[in-house]
Structures are given as structure tokens and as C-alpha cells.
Amino acid sequence: MKPYRICSNCVMDTTDSAITFDDKGVCDHCRTFFGTILPNWHSDERGARELGAMAERIRAAGKGREFDCIIGMSGGIDSSYLTVLAKERMGLRPLVFHVDAGWNSQEAVNNIERIVDKLGLDLYTEVIDWPEMRDLQLAFFKSGVPHIDTPQDMAFFATMYKFAQEHDVRHILTGANYSTECIRNPLEWMWYQSDSIQVRDIHRRFGTRPLERFPLTTIFQHKVWLPYVKGIQVLRPLNFVPYVKADAVKVLVERFGWQPYPQKHFESRFTRFYEGYWLPRKFGYDTRRVQFSSLIVTGQMTRAEALERLEKPALDDAFVKQEFEYVATKLGIGVAELQGYLDAPNKTYRDYRSQESLYAIGAHVMRLLGLERGGKR
């Protein structure tokens, strides 16, 4: 085992077992950002021109249609701010697309309604079959892997892609961005959510009912079939504007009465429990290191502030006890059973069938072509 070490520039550390450091103690995550992402990331006048051209293409493709694109909205800061940007700056007619996987927080529901209502947009909500969702999530708990949020992520993306194909929508807008997400979660923390082979294998071993209505997608579908066969593009407009988290929160709060979350991704009660407690408690993986490091390298947070915040757990003990009971009850099991999964031996994505070799080849090709930038994800 490597001796403990932390980056001298950000707060990524050896809980990422694949991390490397240069002779100045700077990690590979930072080196990737400064060497690959930053030189190719334009949020100035050049970005404004590219955003304008993007908006023109989307409007042209949607001419004569009820809406010209869809925006996947969770109620979190990125997708909320994106929705405002798309309507007010890009002049688009987006359909706001939300997937209800059974774990929405009340804050998320309120935030979505406020943004949609005040912007005069239409909202489409797809509700995932709960018995199948529950069964798949329980299978992931039983598997012992870290990435137990995969069923929720899979449901979000697969449903949105399916809707786009069925309604011949040519553009999907997402809140993914470099400003707050340029440092990526290590693969050992969060394996690819599009690996349907692994999803099926884990469900085959630990599930109790067939997945007849649960939406599944594949890496081939969203990297090859959608863009090159169906002509559906997934776009990230936030990369073309000066997107600063604190400024975005201020706009959303003051103009829309938007309710902030204590941490990124906490709009889902399951993700809040998973990232705020399960991952750090069971595996020692604290996703705040990834989130804070992104803000550090983009100048939105100091390293000292990040280190101070990391000294305290994301969720306090009283809240964890409450959420532990809520998650167990929601999944239809007892607290003792959920505790048993927490105490069981840890596994990794390598303990189950996967498309690891395909992802490795695809990532290499995408980077050679300049279509993908970033670290391990």
C-alpha cells in the first residue's frame, strides 16, 4: 500500500490508488487540467461566438417543432443554471426533462417547479418503475461495489436518450461542465454508469425479479449510435460561458427563490446518503475531494478552505441515523440488513463482468481525436 500523500495544489490524495505526483507534489489530476483542459477551454469572446453558433444550429434543427431541444434537469445547480442560460441567452425553446427515480428531495422538486414556472417552460417527467428500481439498487448494495448510484444514473441517461430518439430530438443539453467538474471521480470510486454488461451481471447475481421496464443504455448507444447514426448531439453549453458556482447560486436564489444544497448532487436523497455517508464510511472515498479540487484549480475555492471543510464529515451523526432508517425503509428492508451490507467485504467493478477493455480503447481514441478531455473518467 502506498504511504498517504496529498496533492500540493489541490486536495486529491492517495485514496485514489492510481494517483501520481510530480517532483513538486502536484497530482496527475491537476496536470491534466492545466496541460489539456485549460488550453482548450474557452469561456471568453471565443466561447460566446461558439455558444451563439450552437444556439443557431439548435434553433434551425427545431424549426417548426414544439420544442427544439431537451434539457435533463435534476434540480441541482448545474442543470438549473443551464436551463436559465438556454432560455434567456441562447433563445431556445427547451423541453425540461426530469427523471423521477423515487429519490427526489423536496428541495429538488421545489427548485424544478420554480425554474420551469418562472421561465414559462414545459416540464416532462418520466417516472421509473419503482419495484424494478428498488430491486436493482438492492442488488448493487448486495454486490459490495462502491458505485451503488449506477442504477439511478443509468435510468436518467437511458430514459433521456430513448425520449430523444422517439421524438426525433436532435440536441440534448446537459449541465456537465469544466468549471465545477474538471477533476473527475477515479474509476475505482465510480465505474462507468453506461456499462450495461456490469449492470446486468450484478442484477443476475443478486436481483430477484426481471428488469422488464427499467431503462438500460450502452456505451455504444450514446457514443456511436446516437451521434453518428441518429444524429443526436449531447451538448454542454456551460463550457462556453464564465460559469462560476457562487455567482450562479446567487442568480438562482435571487431571481427564482431557488434553494441551495449543502453539497453538489445532494438534490437526490439517495445520492446524498451515498456520497455523504456510504462511500466515505465503507470505502474511504470522499467525493468532496473531487468537487473541491475542481473549484481549487478553477480559482473558486482556496486549498486551505477545502482542507478545513474536509476535517468535518459531510453529514452529521444525527442526520445519518435518520437517513439510514429512511433508505432502509424506502428499499423495504430493515436497518440491520442495510447495516449488514455496510459491514460486508468491499468489492470493486473488477469483481463482476464489465466492458473495461472497450472503455479503455474508446477513451484512447476519443482523446486522440480531441473529442474527450480530462482524467480517469
Protein backbone atom coordinates (compact mmCIF):
# COMPACT_ATOMS: atom_id res chain seq x y z
CA MET A 1 0.00 0.00 0.00
CA LYS A 2 1.23 3.47 -0.87
CA PRO A 3 2.10 5.81 2.02
CA TYR A 4 -0.53 8.51 2.44
CA ARG A 5 0.07 11.57 0.31
CA ILE A 6 -1.98 14.59 -0.74
CA CYS A 7 -1.51 16.89 -3.73
CA SER A 8 0.34 20.12 -3.02
CA ASN A 9 -2.01 22.05 -5.30
CA CYS A 10 -5.48 20.52 -4.80
CA VAL A 11 -6.87 18.08 -2.21
CA MET A 12 -6.83 14.83 -4.17
CA ASP A 13 -4.92 12.18 -2.27
CA THR A 14 -3.95 8.52 -2.24
CA THR A 15 -7.50 7.39 -1.56
CA ASP A 16 -7.30 7.46 -5.36
CA SER A 17 -4.95 4.48 -5.66
CA ALA A 18 -3.96 5.40 -9.23
CA ILE A 19 -2.89 8.96 -8.40
CA THR A 20 0.62 10.05 -9.31
CA PHE A 21 2.68 13.07 -8.26
CA ASP A 22 5.44 15.03 -9.95
CA ASP A 23 8.62 16.23 -8.22
CA LYS A 24 6.72 19.25 -6.87
CA GLY A 25 4.00 17.12 -5.34
CA VAL A 26 1.37 18.10 -7.93
CA CYS A 27 -1.02 15.29 -8.85
CA ASP A 28 -1.92 13.99 -12.29
CA HIS A 29 -5.45 15.40 -11.96
CA CYS A 30 -4.03 18.94 -11.75
CA ARG A 31 -1.51 18.29 -14.51
CA THR A 32 -4.28 17.08 -16.80
CA PHE A 33 -6.33 20.19 -16.10
CA PHE A 34 -3.52 22.67 -16.70
CA GLY A 35 -1.98 20.77 -19.60
CA THR A 36 -5.02 19.52 -21.50
CA ILE A 37 -8.29 21.06 -20.37
CA LEU A 38 -7.43 24.70 -19.66
CA PRO A 39 -5.67 25.44 -23.01
CA ASN A 40 -8.71 24.15 -24.90
CA TRP A 41 -11.42 25.66 -22.70
CA HIS A 42 -12.74 28.99 -23.95
CA SER A 43 -15.38 30.85 -21.93
CA ASP A 44 -14.45 34.31 -23.22
CA GLU A 45 -15.41 36.03 -26.50
CA ARG A 46 -14.47 32.91 -28.43
CA GLY A 47 -16.77 30.86 -26.25
CA ALA A 48 -19.55 33.41 -26.73
CA ARG A 49 -19.22 33.04 -30.51
CA GLU A 50 -19.29 29.26 -30.27
CA LEU A 51 -22.32 29.40 -27.97
CA GLY A 52 -24.11 31.66 -30.44
CA ALA A 53 -23.35 29.31 -33.32
CA MET A 54 -24.55 26.38 -31.22
CA ALA A 55 -27.82 28.17 -30.47
CA GLU A 56 -28.37 28.90 -34.19
CA ARG A 57 -27.88 25.23 -35.09
CA ILE A 58 -30.30 24.11 -32.39
CA ARG A 59 -32.96 26.65 -33.41
CA ALA A 60 -32.62 25.65 -37.06
CA ALA A 61 -32.97 21.94 -36.29
CA GLY A 62 -36.02 22.63 -34.12
CA LYS A 63 -37.81 24.97 -36.52
CA GLY A 64 -41.48 24.11 -36.77
CA ARG A 65 -41.35 21.79 -33.78
CA GLU A 66 -42.97 22.19 -30.37
CA PHE A 67 -39.51 22.40 -28.76
CA ASP A 68 -36.02 22.49 -30.25
CA CYS A 69 -34.03 20.61 -27.60
CA ILE A 70 -34.36 18.83 -24.29
CA ILE A 71 -32.58 19.66 -21.05
CA GLY A 72 -32.04 16.98 -18.45
CA MET A 73 -32.89 18.71 -15.17
CA SER A 74 -32.31 17.28 -11.70
CA GLY A 75 -32.94 20.45 -9.73
CA GLY A 76 -29.23 20.79 -8.96
CA ILE A 77 -27.26 23.95 -9.59
CA ASP A 78 -25.72 22.99 -12.95
CA SER A 79 -28.91 21.88 -14.69
CA SER A 80 -30.90 24.74 -13.13
CA TYR A 81 -28.48 27.41 -14.32
CA LEU A 82 -28.22 25.73 -17.72
CA THR A 83 -31.99 25.99 -18.13
CA VAL A 84 -31.86 29.73 -17.48
CA LEU A 85 -28.96 30.12 -19.91
CA ALA A 86 -30.71 28.15 -22.65
CA LYS A 87 -33.92 30.15 -22.46
CA GLU A 88 -32.61 33.65 -21.82
CA ARG A 89 -29.22 33.84 -23.51
CA MET A 90 -29.44 31.20 -26.22
CA GLY A 91 -33.05 31.96 -27.09
CA LEU A 92 -34.04 28.31 -27.17
CA ARG A 93 -37.35 26.55 -26.63
CA PRO A 94 -36.24 23.66 -24.46
CA LEU A 95 -38.40 20.90 -23.05
CA VAL A 96 -37.29 20.40 -19.48
CA PHE A 97 -36.87 16.66 -18.97
CA HIS A 98 -36.85 15.18 -15.49
CA VAL A 99 -36.48 11.56 -14.42
CA ASP A 100 -38.08 10.58 -11.11
CA ALA A 101 -36.27 7.52 -9.81
CA GLY A 102 -38.03 7.69 -6.45
CA TRP A 103 -35.43 9.67 -4.50
CA ASN A 104 -36.19 13.34 -5.17
CA SER A 105 -35.68 15.65 -2.23
CA GLN A 106 -38.41 18.21 -1.60
CA GLU A 107 -35.87 20.94 -2.34
CA ALA A 108 -35.27 19.48 -5.79
CA VAL A 109 -38.98 19.31 -6.55
CA ASN A 110 -39.41 22.93 -5.47
CA ASN A 111 -36.41 24.11 -7.46
CA ILE A 112 -37.55 22.46 -10.67
CA GLU A 113 -41.05 23.90 -10.36
CA ARG A 114 -39.79 27.41 -9.66
CA ILE A 115 -37.38 27.47 -12.60
CA VAL A 116 -39.89 25.99 -15.04
CA ASP A 117 -42.78 28.19 -13.93
CA LYS A 118 -40.87 31.48 -13.95
CA LEU A 119 -39.30 30.78 -17.35
CA GLY A 120 -42.61 29.62 -18.84
CA LEU A 121 -41.25 26.25 -19.95
CA ASP A 122 -42.87 22.84 -20.28
CA LEU A 123 -41.80 20.04 -17.96
CA TYR A 124 -41.87 16.37 -18.87
CA THR A 125 -41.34 13.89 -16.03
CA GLU A 126 -40.62 10.21 -16.58
CA VAL A 127 -41.27 8.05 -13.52
CA ILE A 128 -39.12 4.92 -13.25
CA ASP A 129 -40.84 1.67 -12.29
CA TRP A 130 -40.19 1.59 -8.55
CA PRO A 131 -40.27 -2.20 -7.89
CA GLU A 132 -37.61 -2.75 -10.57
CA MET A 133 -35.59 0.28 -9.45
CA ARG A 134 -35.68 -0.96 -5.86
CA ASP A 135 -34.62 -4.47 -6.87
CA LEU A 136 -31.67 -3.22 -8.92
CA GLN A 137 -30.50 -0.86 -6.19
CA LEU A 138 -30.66 -3.65 -3.63
CA ALA A 139 -28.64 -5.85 -5.99
CA PHE A 140 -25.91 -3.20 -6.06
CA PHE A 141 -25.90 -2.98 -2.26
CA LYS A 142 -25.54 -6.77 -2.09
CA SER A 143 -22.72 -6.74 -4.66
CA GLY A 144 -20.43 -4.74 -2.36
CA VAL A 145 -19.23 -2.34 -5.08
CA PRO A 146 -18.72 1.38 -4.40
CA HIS A 147 -20.79 2.64 -7.34
CA ILE A 148 -24.26 1.88 -5.95
CA ASP A 149 -25.62 5.04 -7.60
CA THR A 150 -25.26 3.42 -11.04
CA PRO A 151 -28.94 2.35 -11.30
CA GLN A 152 -30.08 5.93 -10.77
CA ASP A 153 -27.55 7.33 -13.29
CA MET A 154 -28.39 4.61 -15.81
CA ALA A 155 -32.10 5.40 -15.51
CA PHE A 156 -31.52 9.13 -16.05
CA PHE A 157 -29.44 8.82 -19.19
CA ALA A 158 -31.18 5.86 -20.80
CA THR A 159 -34.60 7.46 -20.42
CA MET A 160 -33.47 10.76 -21.88
CA TYR A 161 -31.77 9.08 -24.86
CA LYS A 162 -34.84 6.97 -25.53
CA PHE A 163 -37.11 10.02 -25.48
CA ALA A 164 -34.82 11.89 -27.87
CA GLN A 165 -34.89 9.02 -30.36
CA GLU A 166 -38.64 8.52 -30.16
CA HIS A 167 -39.36 12.24 -30.70
CA ASP A 168 -36.56 12.87 -33.20
CA VAL A 169 -34.93 15.47 -30.97
CA ARG A 170 -31.52 16.36 -32.38
CA HIS A 171 -30.00 18.12 -29.37
CA ILE A 172 -29.73 17.21 -25.68
CA LEU A 173 -28.30 19.83 -23.34
CA THR A 174 -26.62 18.78 -20.10
CA GLY A 175 -25.17 20.71 -17.18
CA ALA A 176 -21.84 18.87 -17.34
CA ASN A 177 -19.03 21.42 -17.27
CA TYR A 178 -15.33 22.01 -16.70
CA SER A 179 -15.80 24.80 -14.15
CA THR A 180 -17.07 22.57 -11.34
CA GLU A 181 -16.29 19.11 -12.73
CA CYS A 182 -12.86 19.26 -14.35
CA ILE A 183 -11.44 16.84 -11.78
CA ARG A 184 -13.17 13.52 -12.26
CA ASN A 185 -14.00 10.74 -9.88
CA PRO A 186 -11.48 7.89 -10.09
CA LEU A 187 -12.86 4.80 -11.80
CA GLU A 188 -12.41 2.71 -8.67
CA TRP A 189 -14.80 5.11 -6.89
CA MET A 190 -17.44 5.37 -9.60
CA TRP A 191 -17.38 2.99 -12.51
CA TYR A 192 -18.99 3.99 -15.82
CA GLN A 193 -22.76 4.23 -15.39
CA SER A 194 -23.26 3.18 -19.02
CA ASP A 195 -21.75 -0.29 -18.54
CA SER A 196 -24.88 -2.34 -19.13
CA ILE A 197 -22.85 -5.57 -19.03
CA GLN A 198 -21.95 -4.91 -15.40
CA VAL A 199 -25.46 -3.78 -14.51
CA ARG A 200 -26.90 -6.99 -15.94
CA ASP A 201 -24.28 -9.18 -14.27
CA ILE A 202 -24.85 -7.68 -10.82
CA HIS A 203 -28.60 -7.95 -11.26
CA ARG A 204 -28.32 -11.53 -12.50
CA ARG A 205 -26.41 -12.49 -9.35
CA PHE A 206 -28.33 -10.53 -6.76
CA GLY A 207 -31.65 -9.39 -8.25
CA THR A 208 -34.95 -11.11 -7.54
CA ARG A 209 -37.17 -10.01 -10.44
CA PRO A 210 -36.68 -9.44 -14.18
CA LEU A 211 -35.91 -5.95 -15.46
CA GLU A 212 -38.73 -5.56 -17.96
CA ARG A 213 -39.36 -1.81 -17.81
CA PHE A 214 -36.13 -0.47 -16.34
CA PRO A 215 -34.31 1.63 -18.99
CA LEU A 216 -30.84 0.49 -20.00
CA THR A 217 -28.27 2.12 -22.24
CA THR A 218 -24.83 1.15 -23.53
CA ILE A 219 -21.58 2.92 -24.30
CA PHE A 220 -22.11 2.05 -27.97
CA GLN A 221 -25.53 3.69 -27.97
CA HIS A 222 -24.51 7.09 -26.63
CA LYS A 223 -21.00 7.31 -28.11
CA VAL A 224 -21.70 5.85 -31.58
CA TRP A 225 -25.36 5.16 -32.33
CA LEU A 226 -26.85 8.45 -31.09
CA PRO A 227 -24.34 10.95 -32.53
CA TYR A 228 -23.24 9.20 -35.73
CA VAL A 229 -26.30 7.16 -36.76
CA LYS A 230 -29.26 9.05 -35.32
CA GLY A 231 -27.61 12.49 -35.48
CA ILE A 232 -28.40 13.32 -31.85
CA GLN A 233 -25.84 15.56 -30.17
CA VAL A 234 -25.27 15.89 -26.44
CA LEU A 235 -24.04 19.44 -25.78
CA ARG A 236 -22.50 21.22 -22.77
CA PRO A 237 -23.26 24.95 -23.10
CA LEU A 238 -21.89 25.84 -19.64
CA ASN A 239 -18.38 25.31 -21.01
CA PHE A 240 -18.79 28.35 -23.25
CA VAL A 241 -19.68 30.94 -20.59
CA PRO A 242 -17.93 32.25 -17.46
CA TYR A 243 -19.68 29.79 -15.16
CA VAL A 244 -18.82 30.49 -11.51
CA LYS A 245 -20.67 28.41 -8.91
CA ALA A 246 -21.16 31.16 -6.31
CA ASP A 247 -22.42 33.61 -8.93
CA ALA A 248 -24.81 31.03 -10.37
CA VAL A 249 -26.24 30.27 -6.93
CA LYS A 250 -26.79 33.99 -6.32
CA VAL A 251 -28.69 34.39 -9.58
CA LEU A 252 -30.86 31.34 -8.93
CA VAL A 253 -31.65 32.31 -5.35
CA GLU A 254 -32.40 35.97 -6.01
CA ARG A 255 -34.38 35.55 -9.21
CA PHE A 256 -36.13 32.22 -8.71
CA GLY A 257 -36.18 31.56 -4.97
CA TRP A 258 -34.02 28.53 -5.64
CA GLN A 259 -32.95 26.54 -2.55
CA PRO A 260 -29.20 25.73 -2.33
CA TYR A 261 -27.94 22.30 -1.27
CA PRO A 262 -25.16 21.66 1.26
CA GLN A 263 -23.19 19.75 -1.38
CA LYS A 264 -23.14 19.03 -5.11
CA HIS A 265 -25.53 16.20 -6.12
CA PHE A 266 -27.48 16.39 -2.88
CA GLU A 267 -30.72 17.08 -4.78
CA SER A 268 -31.25 13.30 -4.68
CA ARG A 269 -31.77 11.80 -1.22
CA PHE A 270 -30.14 8.59 -2.35
CA THR A 271 -27.07 10.35 -3.75
CA ARG A 272 -26.85 12.47 -0.61
CA PHE A 273 -26.78 9.30 1.51
CA TYR A 274 -24.42 7.54 -0.88
CA GLU A 275 -21.86 10.32 -1.38
CA GLY A 276 -22.24 11.93 2.03
CA TYR A 277 -22.05 8.76 4.11
CA TRP A 278 -21.84 5.36 2.38
CA LEU A 279 -18.79 5.98 0.19
CA PRO A 280 -16.59 7.61 2.85
CA ARG A 281 -17.73 5.26 5.64
CA LYS A 282 -17.41 1.98 3.74
CA PHE A 283 -14.64 2.72 1.24
CA GLY A 284 -12.87 5.86 2.45
CA TYR A 285 -13.80 7.74 -0.74
CA ASP A 286 -14.86 11.35 -0.16
CA THR A 287 -16.29 12.88 -3.34
CA ARG A 288 -15.81 16.34 -1.83
CA ARG A 289 -12.12 15.93 -2.65
CA VAL A 290 -13.03 15.75 -6.32
CA GLN A 291 -15.54 18.58 -6.13
CA PHE A 292 -13.33 20.89 -4.08
CA SER A 293 -10.30 20.17 -6.25
CA SER A 294 -12.26 21.24 -9.33
CA LEU A 295 -13.10 24.51 -7.59
CA ILE A 296 -9.48 24.98 -6.47
CA VAL A 297 -7.92 24.65 -9.92
CA THR A 298 -10.58 26.93 -11.44
CA GLY A 299 -9.95 29.60 -8.77
CA GLN A 300 -13.30 29.30 -6.96
CA MET A 301 -12.03 27.90 -3.65
CA THR A 302 -8.76 28.04 -1.74
CA ARG A 303 -6.95 24.86 -0.80
CA ALA A 304 -6.99 25.98 2.84
CA GLU A 305 -10.78 26.32 2.78
CA ALA A 306 -11.14 22.88 1.23
CA LEU A 307 -8.89 21.26 3.83
CA GLU A 308 -10.83 22.92 6.64
CA ARG A 309 -14.16 21.67 5.29
CA LEU A 310 -12.78 18.15 4.80
CA GLU A 311 -11.96 17.93 8.50
CA LYS A 312 -15.69 17.54 9.20
CA PRO A 313 -17.92 14.81 7.74
CA ALA A 314 -20.37 15.82 5.05
CA LEU A 315 -23.33 14.68 7.20
CA ASP A 316 -23.59 14.78 10.99
CA ASP A 317 -24.36 11.66 13.04
CA ALA A 318 -27.95 12.57 13.89
CA PHE A 319 -28.80 13.20 10.23
CA VAL A 320 -27.06 9.99 9.13
CA LYS A 321 -29.13 7.94 11.59
CA GLN A 322 -32.31 9.47 10.21
CA GLU A 323 -31.30 8.91 6.58
CA PHE A 324 -30.05 5.38 7.27
CA GLU A 325 -33.51 4.48 8.53
CA TYR A 326 -35.18 6.29 5.62
CA VAL A 327 -33.12 4.49 2.98
CA ALA A 328 -33.71 1.08 4.59
CA THR A 329 -37.45 1.69 4.82
CA LYS A 330 -37.64 3.01 1.26
CA LEU A 331 -35.88 -0.12 -0.01
CA GLY A 332 -38.22 -2.35 2.01
CA ILE A 333 -35.56 -3.82 4.26
CA GLY A 334 -34.62 -3.50 7.92
CA VAL A 335 -31.89 -1.28 9.31
CA ALA A 336 -29.98 -4.40 10.37
CA GLU A 337 -29.95 -5.71 6.79
CA LEU A 338 -28.67 -2.40 5.43
CA GLN A 339 -26.01 -2.36 8.15
CA GLY A 340 -25.02 -5.84 7.03
CA TYR A 341 -24.31 -4.57 3.53
CA LEU A 342 -22.25 -1.75 5.02
CA ASP A 343 -20.17 -4.20 7.06
CA ALA A 344 -19.77 -6.81 4.29
CA PRO A 345 -16.44 -7.20 2.44
CA ASN A 346 -15.77 -4.49 -0.12
CA LYS A 347 -15.74 -5.36 -3.81
CA THR A 348 -14.80 -3.42 -6.94
CA TYR A 349 -16.07 -3.25 -10.50
CA ARG A 350 -13.39 -5.81 -11.38
CA ASP A 351 -15.23 -8.47 -9.37
CA TYR A 352 -18.00 -8.51 -11.98
CA ARG A 353 -18.28 -8.65 -15.73
CA SER A 354 -17.65 -5.33 -17.42
CA GLN A 355 -16.68 -3.63 -20.65
CA GLU A 356 -13.39 -2.35 -19.25
CA SER A 357 -11.35 -3.13 -22.36
CA LEU A 358 -13.91 -1.41 -24.61
CA TYR A 359 -13.92 1.71 -22.43
CA ALA A 360 -10.12 1.84 -22.43
CA ILE A 361 -9.95 1.64 -26.24
CA GLY A 362 -12.77 4.14 -26.68
CA ALA A 363 -11.24 6.66 -24.25
CA HIS A 364 -7.89 6.43 -26.02
CA VAL A 365 -9.46 7.01 -29.44
CA MET A 366 -11.62 9.89 -28.17
CA ARG A 367 -8.60 11.65 -26.67
CA LEU A 368 -6.55 11.18 -29.84
CA LEU A 369 -9.35 12.79 -31.82
CA GLY A 370 -9.70 15.61 -29.30
CA LEU A 371 -13.31 14.65 -28.56
CA GLU A 372 -12.70 13.93 -24.89
CA ARG A 373 -10.52 15.69 -22.36
CA GLY A 374 -9.98 15.04 -18.71
CA GLY A 375 -8.63 12.47 -16.34
CA LYS A 376 -9.50 8.94 -15.44
CA ARG A 377 -13.22 9.12 -16.22
